Amino acid sequence: VQLQASGGGLVQAGGSLRLSCATSGRTSSRYFVGWFRQAPGKERDIVATINWIGDSTYYADSVKGRFTISRDNVDDTVYLQMNSLKPEDTGVYYCALDPLPTWGAVRWSDRASAYDYWGQGTLVTVSS
């Protein structure tokens, strides 16, 4: 499984960016894709997740109302639209995939350790 994150850059506070995460080689029919953020000297924290259908999403409190996660099932790409960016949104953004068993209860996690596959990260810098 490969994930390719892109779309980061330098933006002023209040601006917008859209991150993309292209996935390939996936064999699981059920899975979550998450965006995580790691600021300098800090742990990698969850930002948002979306399920394999695209009808269930989660947002960290710090980004609710400003970020939107979505997916294109044709291209197998997950997007993170980031609006009203703040300097505290600065960090390396990673997309990750948590594959699930084909059958049984769906388990969701906001922990980075639960996600098996990771993209290379894309840097977002928000200037004040």
Protein backbone atom coordinates (compact mmCIF):
# COMPACT_ATOMS: atom_id res chain seq x y z
CA VAL A 1 0.00 0.00 0.00
CA GLN A 2 1.34 3.42 -0.94
CA LEU A 3 0.13 6.84 0.06
CA GLN A 4 1.34 10.05 -1.56
CA ALA A 5 0.59 13.31 0.25
CA SER A 6 0.85 16.66 -1.48
CA GLY A 7 -0.44 20.22 -1.39
CA GLY A 8 1.46 21.76 1.49
CA GLY A 9 3.06 25.17 1.35
CA LEU A 10 3.42 28.58 2.93
CA VAL A 11 0.26 30.59 3.52
CA GLN A 12 -0.70 33.62 5.57
CA ALA A 13 -3.04 33.34 8.53
CA GLY A 14 -6.62 33.28 7.31
CA GLY A 15 -5.67 31.63 4.05
CA SER A 16 -6.54 28.22 2.63
CA LEU A 17 -4.78 25.12 1.37
CA ARG A 18 -5.99 21.78 0.04
CA LEU A 19 -4.00 18.66 0.78
CA SER A 20 -4.30 15.51 -1.31
CA CYS A 21 -3.54 11.91 -0.41
CA ALA A 22 -3.41 9.50 -3.33
CA THR A 23 -3.57 5.83 -2.36
CA SER A 24 -2.61 2.76 -4.37
CA GLY A 25 -2.11 -0.93 -3.83
CA ARG A 26 -4.82 -1.13 -1.22
CA THR A 27 -6.29 -4.62 -0.69
CA SER A 28 -8.69 -3.96 2.18
CA SER A 29 -12.28 -3.15 1.24
CA ARG A 30 -12.91 -1.49 4.60
CA TYR A 31 -10.53 1.09 6.01
CA PHE A 32 -10.11 4.54 7.45
CA VAL A 33 -7.88 7.25 6.05
CA GLY A 34 -6.65 9.83 8.50
CA TRP A 35 -4.76 13.08 8.35
CA PHE A 36 -2.31 13.66 11.18
CA ARG A 37 -0.28 16.73 12.05
CA GLN A 38 3.10 16.95 13.71
CA ALA A 39 4.36 20.32 14.90
CA PRO A 40 8.07 20.78 15.69
CA GLY A 41 8.94 19.08 18.96
CA LYS A 42 5.45 17.66 19.41
CA GLU A 43 3.71 14.35 18.92
CA ARG A 44 1.80 13.38 15.81
CA ASP A 45 -1.86 14.19 16.47
CA ILE A 46 -5.05 13.33 14.64
CA VAL A 47 -6.63 16.02 12.51
CA ALA A 48 -9.43 14.24 10.65
CA THR A 49 -10.51 10.82 9.44
CA ILE A 50 -12.88 9.44 6.82
CA ASN A 51 -14.19 5.94 6.25
CA TRP A 52 -13.99 3.87 3.07
CA ILE A 53 -17.45 4.93 1.91
CA GLY A 54 -17.00 8.59 2.73
CA ASP A 55 -20.11 8.91 4.87
CA SER A 56 -18.43 9.03 8.26
CA THR A 57 -15.94 11.70 9.26
CA TYR A 58 -14.19 12.84 12.41
CA TYR A 59 -12.47 16.14 13.21
CA ALA A 60 -10.26 17.20 16.06
CA ASP A 61 -11.83 20.00 18.08
CA SER A 62 -9.09 22.39 17.01
CA VAL A 63 -10.07 22.18 13.33
CA LYS A 64 -13.86 21.75 13.47
CA GLY A 65 -15.63 24.24 11.25
CA ARG A 66 -12.41 25.12 9.39
CA PHE A 67 -11.21 21.84 7.82
CA THR A 68 -13.14 19.44 5.62
CA ILE A 69 -12.07 15.90 4.75
CA SER A 70 -13.49 14.26 1.65
CA ARG A 71 -12.72 11.48 -0.79
CA ASP A 72 -12.90 10.71 -4.48
CA ASN A 73 -13.53 7.00 -4.87
CA VAL A 74 -12.83 7.08 -8.59
CA ASP A 75 -9.27 8.34 -8.10
CA ASP A 76 -8.87 6.78 -4.65
CA THR A 77 -7.76 10.14 -3.30
CA VAL A 78 -8.57 11.75 0.04
CA TYR A 79 -8.55 15.52 0.39
CA LEU A 80 -8.20 17.87 3.34
CA GLN A 81 -9.54 21.34 2.64
CA MET A 82 -8.10 23.74 5.20
CA ASN A 83 -9.67 27.18 5.56
CA SER A 84 -9.12 30.03 8.00
CA LEU A 85 -5.65 28.73 8.73
CA LYS A 86 -3.93 29.75 11.94
CA PRO A 87 -0.23 29.79 12.85
CA GLU A 88 -0.90 26.89 15.23
CA ASP A 89 -1.89 24.78 12.22
CA THR A 90 1.77 24.77 11.16
CA GLY A 91 3.35 21.34 10.94
CA VAL A 92 4.03 18.35 8.76
CA TYR A 93 0.78 16.75 7.65
CA TYR A 94 0.70 13.01 7.09
CA CYS A 95 -2.00 10.86 5.61
CA ALA A 96 -2.32 7.31 6.86
CA LEU A 97 -4.48 4.25 6.24
CA ASP A 98 -5.90 1.87 8.82
CA PRO A 99 -7.04 -1.36 7.11
CA LEU A 100 -9.93 -3.24 8.69
CA PRO A 101 -10.96 -6.90 8.54
CA THR A 102 -13.50 -7.66 5.81
CA TRP A 103 -16.09 -8.78 8.35
CA GLY A 104 -17.00 -7.88 11.89
CA ALA A 105 -17.38 -4.76 13.92
CA VAL A 106 -15.83 -1.57 12.63
CA ARG A 107 -13.25 -0.16 14.99
CA TRP A 108 -12.09 3.44 14.69
CA SER A 109 -9.03 4.94 16.29
CA ASP A 110 -7.54 8.42 16.63
CA ARG A 111 -4.15 7.00 17.60
CA ALA A 112 -1.31 7.13 15.10
CA SER A 113 -0.20 3.67 16.23
CA ALA A 114 -3.40 2.15 14.83
CA TYR A 115 -2.60 3.20 11.26
CA ASP A 116 -0.42 0.74 9.35
CA TYR A 117 0.45 2.70 6.22
CA TRP A 118 1.79 6.25 5.98
CA GLY A 119 2.55 8.80 3.33
CA GLN A 120 5.73 10.84 3.35
CA GLY A 121 4.24 14.02 4.80
CA THR A 122 3.76 17.50 3.42
CA LEU A 123 4.80 20.68 5.24
CA VAL A 124 2.24 23.37 5.99
CA THR A 125 3.54 26.70 7.28
CA VAL A 126 1.09 29.40 8.36
CA SER A 127 2.61 32.81 8.93
CA SER A 128 1.06 35.37 11.24
